[in-house]
Amino acid sequence: MRTPLSSGLAAASMGLLLLGLVLRSWQVLLLALPPMIVLALGSLAPPPRPRIVALRSLSADRTDAGREVDVELVVRNEGPSLDLVEIADVLPREFAVLRGTNHAVVSLEK
């Protein structure tokens, strides 16, 4: 998985490696090893894939314009615990949220 941290480690490692080769310094080459080792160990065990199930239920399948429809969104985690999940139920422009919210940031336990 490519993240800013892994990109930074790769850039630091390559920079130190090139600098060590240009300067012909084994000490600088030795400094390039820790970021390389961290990247190699991190690639051996990738993070588990999240398994999230979302169920939406409506109070009416069809309705007239201007009438209210209750929408319930249930999100369930069937995978490993997730510390930070952003849930957004995108609505068409014609719709308006009267009660509740269509956006939440939560943690999901298994």
PDB file of N, CA and C in Angstrom:
ATOM      1  N   MET A   1       0.852  -1.172   0.000  1.00  0.00           N
ATOM      2  CA  MET A   1       0.000   0.000   0.000  1.00  0.00           C
ATOM      3  C   MET A   1       0.895   1.231   0.000  1.00  0.00           C
ATOM      4  N   ARG A   2       0.613   2.148  -0.892  1.00  0.00           N
ATOM      5  CA  ARG A   2       1.451   3.337  -1.003  1.00  0.00           C
ATOM      6  C   ARG A   2       0.879   4.445  -0.130  1.00  0.00           C
ATOM      7  N   THR A   3       1.675   4.897   0.813  1.00  0.00           N
ATOM      8  CA  THR A   3       1.277   5.976   1.706  1.00  0.00           C
ATOM      9  C   THR A   3       2.361   7.050   1.671  1.00  0.00           C
ATOM     10  N   PRO A   4       2.075   8.232   2.205  1.00  0.00           N
ATOM     11  CA  PRO A   4       3.121   9.260   2.261  1.00  0.00           C
ATOM     12  C   PRO A   4       4.342   8.797   3.061  1.00  0.00           C
ATOM     13  N   LEU A   5       4.113   8.008   4.115  1.00  0.00           N
ATOM     14  CA  LEU A   5       5.239   7.516   4.914  1.00  0.00           C
ATOM     15  C   LEU A   5       6.114   6.571   4.101  1.00  0.00           C
ATOM     16  N   SER A   6       5.494   5.626   3.391  1.00  0.00           N
ATOM     17  CA  SER A   6       6.296   4.686   2.607  1.00  0.00           C
ATOM     18  C   SER A   6       7.008   5.397   1.459  1.00  0.00           C
ATOM     19  N   SER A   7       6.358   6.390   0.868  1.00  0.00           N
ATOM     20  CA  SER A   7       7.020   7.158  -0.191  1.00  0.00           C
ATOM     21  C   SER A   7       8.206   7.939   0.364  1.00  0.00           C
ATOM     22  N   GLY A   8       8.049   8.497   1.553  1.00  0.00           N
ATOM     23  CA  GLY A   8       9.146   9.218   2.190  1.00  0.00           C
ATOM     24  C   GLY A   8      10.308   8.308   2.538  1.00  0.00           C
ATOM     25  N   LEU A   9       9.992   7.116   3.054  1.00  0.00           N
ATOM     26  CA  LEU A   9      11.055   6.152   3.371  1.00  0.00           C
ATOM     27  C   LEU A   9      11.792   5.719   2.108  1.00  0.00           C
ATOM     28  N   ALA A  10      11.059   5.471   1.035  1.00  0.00           N
ATOM     29  CA  ALA A  10      11.698   5.067  -0.220  1.00  0.00           C
ATOM     30  C   ALA A  10      12.583   6.190  -0.757  1.00  0.00           C
ATOM     31  N   ALA A  11      12.100   7.430  -0.694  1.00  0.00           N
ATOM     32  CA  ALA A  11      12.896   8.560  -1.183  1.00  0.00           C
ATOM     33  C   ALA A  11      14.148   8.757  -0.334  1.00  0.00           C
ATOM     34  N   ALA A  12      14.006   8.655   0.987  1.00  0.00           N
ATOM     35  CA  ALA A  12      15.169   8.808   1.868  1.00  0.00           C
ATOM     36  C   ALA A  12      16.183   7.707   1.613  1.00  0.00           C
ATOM     37  N   SER A  13      15.697   6.498   1.448  1.00  0.00           N
ATOM     38  CA  SER A  13      16.584   5.369   1.209  1.00  0.00           C
ATOM     39  C   SER A  13      17.342   5.532  -0.107  1.00  0.00           C
ATOM     40  N   MET A  14      16.621   5.901  -1.172  1.00  0.00           N
ATOM     41  CA  MET A  14      17.279   6.078  -2.464  1.00  0.00           C
ATOM     42  C   MET A  14      18.245   7.260  -2.438  1.00  0.00           C
ATOM     43  N   GLY A  15      17.852   8.337  -1.763  1.00  0.00           N
ATOM     44  CA  GLY A  15      18.737   9.492  -1.663  1.00  0.00           C
ATOM     45  C   GLY A  15      20.036   9.158  -0.944  1.00  0.00           C
ATOM     46  N   LEU A  16      19.911   8.465   0.177  1.00  0.00           N
ATOM     47  CA  LEU A  16      21.115   8.080   0.925  1.00  0.00           C
ATOM     48  C   LEU A  16      21.958   7.075   0.144  1.00  0.00           C
ATOM     49  N   LEU A  17      21.304   6.174  -0.567  1.00  0.00           N
ATOM     50  CA  LEU A  17      22.035   5.197  -1.370  1.00  0.00           C
ATOM     51  C   LEU A  17      22.832   5.893  -2.473  1.00  0.00           C
ATOM     52  N   LEU A  18      22.201   6.808  -3.194  1.00  0.00           N
ATOM     53  CA  LEU A  18      22.910   7.535  -4.251  1.00  0.00           C
ATOM     54  C   LEU A  18      24.017   8.418  -3.689  1.00  0.00           C
ATOM     55  N   LEU A  19      23.735   9.083  -2.565  1.00  0.00           N
ATOM     56  CA  LEU A  19      24.750   9.929  -1.943  1.00  0.00           C
ATOM     57  C   LEU A  19      25.955   9.097  -1.503  1.00  0.00           C
ATOM     58  N   GLY A  20      25.690   7.929  -0.938  1.00  0.00           N
ATOM     59  CA  GLY A  20      26.780   7.053  -0.514  1.00  0.00           C
ATOM     60  C   GLY A  20      27.619   6.563  -1.676  1.00  0.00           C
ATOM     61  N   LEU A  21      26.954   6.274  -2.809  1.00  0.00           N
ATOM     62  CA  LEU A  21      27.706   5.830  -3.985  1.00  0.00           C
ATOM     63  C   LEU A  21      28.524   6.967  -4.588  1.00  0.00           C
ATOM     64  N   VAL A  22      27.938   8.170  -4.634  1.00  0.00           N
ATOM     65  CA  VAL A  22      28.661   9.320  -5.194  1.00  0.00           C
ATOM     66  C   VAL A  22      29.857   9.674  -4.322  1.00  0.00           C
ATOM     67  N   LEU A  23      29.657   9.685  -2.999  1.00  0.00           N
ATOM     68  CA  LEU A  23      30.742  10.043  -2.080  1.00  0.00           C
ATOM     69  C   LEU A  23      31.673   8.871  -1.780  1.00  0.00           C
ATOM     70  N   ARG A  24      31.296   7.682  -2.231  1.00  0.00           N
ATOM     71  CA  ARG A  24      32.052   6.453  -1.946  1.00  0.00           C
ATOM     72  C   ARG A  24      32.280   6.296  -0.450  1.00  0.00           C
ATOM     73  N   SER A  25      31.154   6.454   0.287  1.00  0.00           N
ATOM     74  CA  SER A  25      31.215   6.388   1.746  1.00  0.00           C
ATOM     75  C   SER A  25      30.343   5.233   2.233  1.00  0.00           C
ATOM     76  N   TRP A  26      30.954   4.255   2.870  1.00  0.00           N
ATOM     77  CA  TRP A  26      30.185   3.121   3.377  1.00  0.00           C
ATOM     78  C   TRP A  26      29.313   3.535   4.564  1.00  0.00           C
ATOM     79  N   GLN A  27      29.699   4.603   5.276  1.00  0.00           N
ATOM     80  CA  GLN A  27      28.881   5.069   6.394  1.00  0.00           C
ATOM     81  C   GLN A  27      27.525   5.600   5.901  1.00  0.00           C
ATOM     82  N   VAL A  28      27.545   6.343   4.810  1.00  0.00           N
ATOM     83  CA  VAL A  28      26.290   6.868   4.256  1.00  0.00           C
ATOM     84  C   VAL A  28      25.461   5.729   3.667  1.00  0.00           C
ATOM     85  N   LEU A  29      26.143   4.763   3.036  1.00  0.00           N
ATOM     86  CA  LEU A  29      25.421   3.589   2.528  1.00  0.00           C
ATOM     87  C   LEU A  29      24.755   2.826   3.668  1.00  0.00           C
ATOM     88  N   LEU A  30      25.411   2.778   4.806  1.00  0.00           N
ATOM     89  CA  LEU A  30      24.852   2.102   5.974  1.00  0.00           C
ATOM     90  C   LEU A  30      23.598   2.821   6.472  1.00  0.00           C
ATOM     91  N   LEU A  31      23.554   4.145   6.335  1.00  0.00           N
ATOM     92  CA  LEU A  31      22.364   4.905   6.734  1.00  0.00           C
ATOM     93  C   LEU A  31      21.156   4.597   5.846  1.00  0.00           C
ATOM     94  N   ALA A  32      21.388   4.120   4.630  1.00  0.00           N
ATOM     95  CA  ALA A  32      20.288   3.795   3.719  1.00  0.00           C
ATOM     96  C   ALA A  32      19.614   2.480   4.084  1.00  0.00           C
ATOM     97  N   LEU A  33      20.264   1.653   4.898  1.00  0.00           N
ATOM     98  CA  LEU A  33      19.706   0.339   5.224  1.00  0.00           C
ATOM     99  C   LEU A  33      18.442   0.368   6.083  1.00  0.00           C
ATOM    100  N   PRO A  34      18.364   1.148   7.172  1.00  0.00           N
ATOM    101  CA  PRO A  34      17.141   1.090   8.001  1.00  0.00           C
ATOM    102  C   PRO A  34      15.848   1.391   7.248  1.00  0.00           C
ATOM    103  N   PRO A  35      15.775   2.452   6.412  1.00  0.00           N
ATOM    104  CA  PRO A  35      14.520   2.638   5.673  1.00  0.00           C
ATOM    105  C   PRO A  35      14.204   1.480   4.731  1.00  0.00           C
ATOM    106  N   MET A  36      15.248   0.900   4.109  1.00  0.00           N
ATOM    107  CA  MET A  36      15.023  -0.243   3.218  1.00  0.00           C
ATOM    108  C   MET A  36      14.486  -1.441   3.987  1.00  0.00           C
ATOM    109  N   ILE A  37      15.023  -1.681   5.175  1.00  0.00           N
ATOM    110  CA  ILE A  37      14.575  -2.810   5.989  1.00  0.00           C
ATOM    111  C   ILE A  37      13.125  -2.611   6.424  1.00  0.00           C
ATOM    112  N   VAL A  38      12.769  -1.390   6.832  1.00  0.00           N
ATOM    113  CA  VAL A  38      11.387  -1.110   7.244  1.00  0.00           C
ATOM    114  C   VAL A  38      10.433  -1.336   6.073  1.00  0.00           C
ATOM    115  N   LEU A  39      10.790  -0.872   4.886  1.00  0.00           N
ATOM    116  CA  LEU A  39       9.947  -1.075   3.708  1.00  0.00           C
ATOM    117  C   LEU A  39       9.822  -2.557   3.356  1.00  0.00           C
ATOM    118  N   ALA A  40      10.922  -3.293   3.445  1.00  0.00           N
ATOM    119  CA  ALA A  40      10.881  -4.719   3.119  1.00  0.00           C
ATOM    120  C   ALA A  40      10.012  -5.489   4.104  1.00  0.00           C
ATOM    121  N   LEU A  41      10.162  -5.204   5.396  1.00  0.00           N
ATOM    122  CA  LEU A  41       9.349  -5.900   6.396  1.00  0.00           C
ATOM    123  C   LEU A  41       7.873  -5.529   6.269  1.00  0.00           C
ATOM    124  N   GLY A  42       7.589  -4.280   5.950  1.00  0.00           N
ATOM    125  CA  GLY A  42       6.206  -3.854   5.779  1.00  0.00           C
ATOM    126  C   GLY A  42       5.536  -4.486   4.577  1.00  0.00           C
ATOM    127  N   SER A  43       6.303  -4.797   3.551  1.00  0.00           N
ATOM    128  CA  SER A  43       5.710  -5.410   2.359  1.00  0.00           C
ATOM    129  C   SER A  43       5.476  -6.905   2.535  1.00  0.00           C
ATOM    130  N   LEU A  44       6.105  -7.514   3.539  1.00  0.00           N
ATOM    131  CA  LEU A  44       5.896  -8.946   3.775  1.00  0.00           C
ATOM    132  C   LEU A  44       4.499  -9.243   4.291  1.00  0.00           C
ATOM    133  N   ALA A  45       3.954  -8.382   5.129  1.00  0.00           N
ATOM    134  CA  ALA A  45       2.628  -8.605   5.717  1.00  0.00           C
ATOM    135  C   ALA A  45       1.741  -7.396   5.436  1.00  0.00           C
ATOM    136  N   PRO A  46       1.049  -7.401   4.303  1.00  0.00           N
ATOM    137  CA  PRO A  46       0.176  -6.259   4.010  1.00  0.00           C
ATOM    138  C   PRO A  46      -0.993  -6.208   4.988  1.00  0.00           C
ATOM    139  N   PRO A  47      -1.576  -5.048   5.183  1.00  0.00           N
ATOM    140  CA  PRO A  47      -2.693  -4.939   6.127  1.00  0.00           C
ATOM    141  C   PRO A  47      -3.893  -5.737   5.631  1.00  0.00           C
ATOM    142  N   PRO A  48      -4.704  -6.256   6.556  1.00  0.00           N
ATOM    143  CA  PRO A  48      -5.883  -7.029   6.140  1.00  0.00           C
ATOM    144  C   PRO A  48      -6.898  -6.139   5.431  1.00  0.00           C
ATOM    145  N   ARG A  49      -7.619  -6.726   4.486  1.00  0.00           N
ATOM    146  CA  ARG A  49      -8.628  -5.973   3.739  1.00  0.00           C
ATOM    147  C   ARG A  49      -9.870  -5.783   4.596  1.00  0.00           C
ATOM    148  N   PRO A  50     -10.411  -4.583   4.630  1.00  0.00           N
ATOM    149  CA  PRO A  50     -11.642  -4.357   5.398  1.00  0.00           C
ATOM    150  C   PRO A  50     -12.827  -5.040   4.717  1.00  0.00           C
ATOM    151  N   ARG A  51     -13.758  -5.527   5.546  1.00  0.00           N
ATOM    152  CA  ARG A  51     -14.993  -6.133   5.039  1.00  0.00           C
ATOM    153  C   ARG A  51     -16.162  -5.414   5.707  1.00  0.00           C
ATOM    154  N   ILE A  52     -16.776  -4.514   4.980  1.00  0.00           N
ATOM    155  CA  ILE A  52     -17.861  -3.692   5.514  1.00  0.00           C
ATOM    156  C   ILE A  52     -19.132  -3.986   4.724  1.00  0.00           C
ATOM    157  N   VAL A  53     -20.238  -4.141   5.451  1.00  0.00           N
ATOM    158  CA  VAL A  53     -21.543  -4.369   4.832  1.00  0.00           C
ATOM    159  C   VAL A  53     -22.431  -3.179   5.174  1.00  0.00           C
ATOM    160  N   ALA A  54     -23.054  -2.590   4.164  1.00  0.00           N
ATOM    161  CA  ALA A  54     -23.964  -1.457   4.375  1.00  0.00           C
ATOM    162  C   ALA A  54     -25.349  -1.839   3.860  1.00  0.00           C
ATOM    163  N   LEU A  55     -26.362  -1.623   4.699  1.00  0.00           N
ATOM    164  CA  LEU A  55     -27.749  -1.916   4.337  1.00  0.00           C
ATOM    165  C   LEU A  55     -28.569  -0.637   4.466  1.00  0.00           C
ATOM    166  N   ARG A  56     -29.282  -0.285   3.415  1.00  0.00           N
ATOM    167  CA  ARG A  56     -30.129   0.909   3.433  1.00  0.00           C
ATOM    168  C   ARG A  56     -31.584   0.456   3.348  1.00  0.00           C
ATOM    169  N   SER A  57     -32.415   0.993   4.229  1.00  0.00           N
ATOM    170  CA  SER A  57     -33.852   0.702   4.181  1.00  0.00           C
ATOM    171  C   SER A  57     -34.616   2.017   4.058  1.00  0.00           C
ATOM    172  N   LEU A  58     -35.682   1.983   3.257  1.00  0.00           N
ATOM    173  CA  LEU A  58     -36.510   3.159   2.994  1.00  0.00           C
ATOM    174  C   LEU A  58     -37.913   2.913   3.526  1.00  0.00           C
ATOM    175  N   SER A  59     -38.577   3.972   3.976  1.00  0.00           N
ATOM    176  CA  SER A  59     -39.943   3.831   4.472  1.00  0.00           C
ATOM    177  C   SER A  59     -40.946   3.713   3.325  1.00  0.00           C
ATOM    178  N   ALA A  60     -40.564   4.107   2.122  1.00  0.00           N
ATOM    179  CA  ALA A  60     -41.441   3.985   0.958  1.00  0.00           C
ATOM    180  C   ALA A  60     -40.588   3.784  -0.289  1.00  0.00           C
ATOM    181  N   ASP A  61     -41.067   2.889  -1.169  1.00  0.00           N
ATOM    182  CA  ASP A  61     -40.346   2.673  -2.423  1.00  0.00           C
ATOM    183  C   ASP A  61     -40.567   3.821  -3.402  1.00  0.00           C
ATOM    184  N   ARG A  62     -41.791   4.368  -3.381  1.00  0.00           N
ATOM    185  CA  ARG A  62     -42.136   5.493  -4.259  1.00  0.00           C
ATOM    186  C   ARG A  62     -42.890   6.520  -3.442  1.00  0.00           C
ATOM    187  N   THR A  63     -42.737   7.787  -3.823  1.00  0.00           N
ATOM    188  CA  THR A  63     -43.443   8.852  -3.120  1.00  0.00           C
ATOM    189  C   THR A  63     -43.622  10.047  -4.045  1.00  0.00           C
ATOM    190  N   ASP A  64     -44.487  10.954  -3.651  1.00  0.00           N
ATOM    191  CA  ASP A  64     -44.705  12.177  -4.421  1.00  0.00           C
ATOM    192  C   ASP A  64     -43.663  13.218  -4.018  1.00  0.00           C
ATOM    193  N   ALA A  65     -43.462  14.187  -4.889  1.00  0.00           N
ATOM    194  CA  ALA A  65     -42.529  15.276  -4.585  1.00  0.00           C
ATOM    195  C   ALA A  65     -43.028  16.052  -3.371  1.00  0.00           C
ATOM    196  N   GLY A  66     -42.119  16.394  -2.478  1.00  0.00           N
ATOM    197  CA  GLY A  66     -42.462  17.153  -1.283  1.00  0.00           C
ATOM    198  C   GLY A  66     -42.801  16.296  -0.075  1.00  0.00           C
ATOM    199  N   ARG A  67     -42.934  15.006  -0.242  1.00  0.00           N
ATOM    200  CA  ARG A  67     -43.237  14.106   0.883  1.00  0.00           C
ATOM    201  C   ARG A  67     -41.935  13.624   1.517  1.00  0.00           C
ATOM    202  N   GLU A  68     -42.037  13.262   2.795  1.00  0.00           N
ATOM    203  CA  GLU A  68     -40.864  12.768   3.523  1.00  0.00           C
ATOM    204  C   GLU A  68     -40.704  11.261   3.330  1.00  0.00           C
ATOM    205  N   VAL A  69     -39.463  10.836   3.274  1.00  0.00           N
ATOM    206  CA  VAL A  69     -39.115   9.416   3.229  1.00  0.00           C
ATOM    207  C   VAL A  69     -38.044   9.199   4.283  1.00  0.00           C
ATOM    208  N   ASP A  70     -38.294   8.243   5.180  1.00  0.00           N
ATOM    209  CA  ASP A  70     -37.289   7.905   6.193  1.00  0.00           C
ATOM    210  C   ASP A  70     -36.294   6.927   5.588  1.00  0.00           C
ATOM    211  N   VAL A  71     -35.016   7.240   5.746  1.00  0.00           N
ATOM    212  CA  VAL A  71     -33.942   6.389   5.242  1.00  0.00           C
ATOM    213  C   VAL A  71     -33.086   5.983   6.427  1.00  0.00           C
ATOM    214  N   GLU A  72     -32.839   4.679   6.549  1.00  0.00           N
ATOM    215  CA  GLU A  72     -31.975   4.176   7.617  1.00  0.00           C
ATOM    216  C   GLU A  72     -30.808   3.446   6.969  1.00  0.00           C
ATOM    217  N   LEU A  73     -29.608   3.812   7.364  1.00  0.00           N
ATOM    218  CA  LEU A  73     -28.396   3.189   6.844  1.00  0.00           C
ATOM    219  C   LEU A  73     -27.696   2.485   7.994  1.00  0.00           C
ATOM    220  N   VAL A  74     -27.534   1.167   7.856  1.00  0.00           N
ATOM    221  CA  VAL A  74     -26.858   0.364   8.876  1.00  0.00           C
ATOM    222  C   VAL A  74     -25.538  -0.112   8.280  1.00  0.00           C
ATOM    223  N   VAL A  75     -24.437   0.189   8.962  1.00  0.00           N
ATOM    224  CA  VAL A  75     -23.107  -0.210   8.506  1.00  0.00           C
ATOM    225  C   VAL A  75     -22.541  -1.196   9.513  1.00  0.00           C
ATOM    226  N   ARG A  76     -22.133  -2.368   9.017  1.00  0.00           N
ATOM    227  CA  ARG A  76     -21.627  -3.431   9.890  1.00  0.00           C
ATOM    228  C   ARG A  76     -20.222  -3.835   9.424  1.00  0.00           C
ATOM    229  N   ASN A  77     -19.344  -4.047  10.382  1.00  0.00           N
ATOM    230  CA  ASN A  77     -17.973  -4.455  10.103  1.00  0.00           C
ATOM    231  C   ASN A  77     -17.859  -5.960  10.306  1.00  0.00           C
ATOM    232  N   GLU A  78     -17.476  -6.687   9.262  1.00  0.00           N
ATOM    233  CA  GLU A  78     -17.283  -8.132   9.358  1.00  0.00           C
ATOM    234  C   GLU A  78     -15.808  -8.509   9.263  1.00  0.00           C
ATOM    235  N   GLY A  79     -14.949  -7.533   9.306  1.00  0.00           N
ATOM    236  CA  GLY A  79     -13.513  -7.774   9.222  1.00  0.00           C
ATOM    237  C   GLY A  79     -12.824  -7.298  10.482  1.00  0.00           C
ATOM    238  N   PRO A  80     -11.546  -6.968  10.381  1.00  0.00           N
ATOM    239  CA  PRO A  80     -10.809  -6.473  11.547  1.00  0.00           C
ATOM    240  C   PRO A  80     -11.320  -5.100  11.976  1.00  0.00           C
ATOM    241  N   SER A  81     -11.067  -4.751  13.222  1.00  0.00           N
ATOM    242  CA  SER A  81     -11.502  -3.453  13.754  1.00  0.00           C
ATOM    243  C   SER A  81     -10.884  -2.320  12.941  1.00  0.00           C
ATOM    244  N   LEU A  82     -11.679  -1.279  12.723  1.00  0.00           N
ATOM    245  CA  LEU A  82     -11.228  -0.117  11.961  1.00  0.00           C
ATOM    246  C   LEU A  82     -11.308   1.103  12.865  1.00  0.00           C
ATOM    247  N   ASP A  83     -10.198   1.811  13.001  1.00  0.00           N
ATOM    248  CA  ASP A  83     -10.131   2.939  13.926  1.00  0.00           C
ATOM    249  C   ASP A  83     -10.895   4.160  13.435  1.00  0.00           C
ATOM    250  N   LEU A  84     -10.850   4.436  12.156  1.00  0.00           N
ATOM    251  CA  LEU A  84     -11.448   5.667  11.642  1.00  0.00           C
ATOM    252  C   LEU A  84     -12.092   5.386  10.287  1.00  0.00           C
ATOM    253  N   VAL A  85     -13.422   5.495  10.242  1.00  0.00           N
ATOM    254  CA  VAL A  85     -14.170   5.245   9.007  1.00  0.00           C
ATOM    255  C   VAL A  85     -15.073   6.445   8.751  1.00  0.00           C
ATOM    256  N   GLU A  86     -15.015   6.972   7.552  1.00  0.00           N
ATOM    257  CA  GLU A  86     -15.913   8.064   7.175  1.00  0.00           C
ATOM    258  C   GLU A  86     -17.043   7.477   6.336  1.00  0.00           C
ATOM    259  N   ILE A  87     -18.273   7.712   6.778  1.00  0.00           N
ATOM    260  CA  ILE A  87     -19.457   7.205   6.088  1.00  0.00           C
ATOM    261  C   ILE A  87     -20.216   8.402   5.538  1.00  0.00           C
ATOM    262  N   ALA A  88     -20.457   8.401   4.238  1.00  0.00           N
ATOM    263  CA  ALA A  88     -21.206   9.488   3.599  1.00  0.00           C
ATOM    264  C   ALA A  88     -22.241   8.870   2.673  1.00  0.00           C
ATOM    265  N   ASP A  89     -23.510   9.158   2.918  1.00  0.00           N
ATOM    266  CA  ASP A  89     -24.599   8.700   2.063  1.00  0.00           C
ATOM    267  C   ASP A  89     -24.937   9.859   1.128  1.00  0.00           C
ATOM    268  N   VAL A  90     -24.461   9.780  -0.100  1.00  0.00           N
ATOM    269  CA  VAL A  90     -24.600  10.882  -1.048  1.00  0.00           C
ATOM    270  C   VAL A  90     -26.040  10.943  -1.553  1.00  0.00           C
ATOM    271  N   LEU A  91     -26.602  12.129  -1.501  1.00  0.00           N
ATOM    272  CA  LEU A  91     -27.986  12.346  -1.917  1.00  0.00           C
ATOM    273  C   LEU A  91     -28.036  13.137  -3.215  1.00  0.00           C
ATOM    274  N   PRO A  92     -29.085  12.923  -4.017  1.00  0.00           N
ATOM    275  CA  PRO A  92     -29.277  13.788  -5.186  1.00  0.00           C
ATOM    276  C   PRO A  92     -29.542  15.227  -4.741  1.00  0.00           C
ATOM    277  N   ARG A  93     -29.303  16.181  -5.608  1.00  0.00           N
ATOM    278  CA  ARG A  93     -29.478  17.595  -5.260  1.00  0.00           C
ATOM    279  C   ARG A  93     -30.905  17.931  -4.853  1.00  0.00           C
ATOM    280  N   GLU A  94     -31.863  17.211  -5.399  1.00  0.00           N
ATOM    281  CA  GLU A  94     -33.267  17.504  -5.127  1.00  0.00           C
ATOM    282  C   GLU A  94     -33.675  17.123  -3.709  1.00  0.00           C
ATOM    283  N   PHE A  95     -32.882  16.289  -3.046  1.00  0.00           N
ATOM    284  CA  PHE A  95     -33.226  15.809  -1.709  1.00  0.00           C
ATOM    285  C   PHE A  95     -32.620  16.715  -0.652  1.00  0.00           C
ATOM    286  N   ALA A  96     -33.234  16.719   0.529  1.00  0.00           N
ATOM    287  CA  ALA A  96     -32.715  17.484   1.668  1.00  0.00           C
ATOM    288  C   ALA A  96     -32.820  16.615   2.913  1.00  0.00           C
ATOM    289  N   VAL A  97     -31.843  16.719   3.790  1.00  0.00           N
ATOM    290  CA  VAL A  97     -31.862  15.993   5.060  1.00  0.00           C
ATOM    291  C   VAL A  97     -32.646  16.842   6.056  1.00  0.00           C
ATOM    292  N   LEU A  98     -33.763  16.295   6.554  1.00  0.00           N
ATOM    293  CA  LEU A  98     -34.597  17.033   7.503  1.00  0.00           C
ATOM    294  C   LEU A  98     -34.223  16.717   8.944  1.00  0.00           C
ATOM    295  N   ARG A  99     -33.944  15.449   9.228  1.00  0.00           N
ATOM    296  CA  ARG A  99     -33.541  15.017  10.575  1.00  0.00           C
ATOM    297  C   ARG A  99     -32.347  14.080  10.441  1.00  0.00           C
ATOM    298  N   GLY A 100     -31.468  14.141  11.408  1.00  0.00           N
ATOM    299  CA  GLY A 100     -30.300  13.267  11.370  1.00  0.00           C
ATOM    300  C   GLY A 100     -29.220  13.836  10.466  1.00  0.00           C
ATOM    301  N   THR A 101     -28.365  12.955   9.982  1.00  0.00           N
ATOM    302  CA  THR A 101     -27.255  13.378   9.134  1.00  0.00           C
ATOM    303  C   THR A 101     -26.961  12.282   8.122  1.00  0.00           C
ATOM    304  N   ASN A 102     -26.360  12.645   7.019  1.00  0.00           N
ATOM    305  CA  ASN A 102     -25.944  11.664   6.020  1.00  0.00           C
ATOM    306  C   ASN A 102     -24.422  11.515   5.995  1.00  0.00           C
ATOM    307  N   HIS A 103     -23.767  11.979   7.058  1.00  0.00           N
ATOM    308  CA  HIS A 103     -22.304  11.922   7.146  1.00  0.00           C
ATOM    309  C   HIS A 103     -21.898  11.604   8.575  1.00  0.00           C
ATOM    310  N   ALA A 104     -20.952  10.683   8.731  1.00  0.00           N
ATOM    311  CA  ALA A 104     -20.464  10.341  10.072  1.00  0.00           C
ATOM    312  C   ALA A 104     -19.020   9.861   9.972  1.00  0.00           C
ATOM    313  N   VAL A 105     -18.260  10.115  11.024  1.00  0.00           N
ATOM    314  CA  VAL A 105     -16.902   9.591  11.167  1.00  0.00           C
ATOM    315  C   VAL A 105     -16.894   8.780  12.451  1.00  0.00           C
ATOM    316  N   VAL A 106     -16.663   7.469  12.322  1.00  0.00           N
ATOM    317  CA  VAL A 106     -16.792   6.557  13.462  1.00  0.00           C
ATOM    318  C   VAL A 106     -15.658   5.538  13.447  1.00  0.00           C
ATOM    319  N   SER A 107     -15.547   4.788  14.541  1.00  0.00           N
ATOM    320  CA  SER A 107     -14.685   3.606  14.570  1.00  0.00           C
ATOM    321  C   SER A 107     -15.602   2.393  14.558  1.00  0.00           C
ATOM    322  N   LEU A 108     -15.199   1.352  13.840  1.00  0.00           N
ATOM    323  CA  LEU A 108     -16.017   0.151  13.717  1.00  0.00           C
ATOM    324  C   LEU A 108     -15.288  -1.023  14.346  1.00  0.00           C
ATOM    325  N   GLU A 109     -15.890  -1.593  15.372  1.00  0.00           N
ATOM    326  CA  GLU A 109     -15.342  -2.793  16.004  1.00  0.00           C
ATOM    327  C   GLU A 109     -15.890  -4.017  15.286  1.00  0.00           C
ATOM    328  N   LYS A 110     -15.221  -5.119  15.438  1.00  0.00           N
ATOM    329  CA  LYS A 110     -15.690  -6.360  14.813  1.00  0.00           C
ATOM    330  C   LYS A 110     -16.883  -6.896  15.545  1.00  0.00           C
TER     331      LYS A 110
END
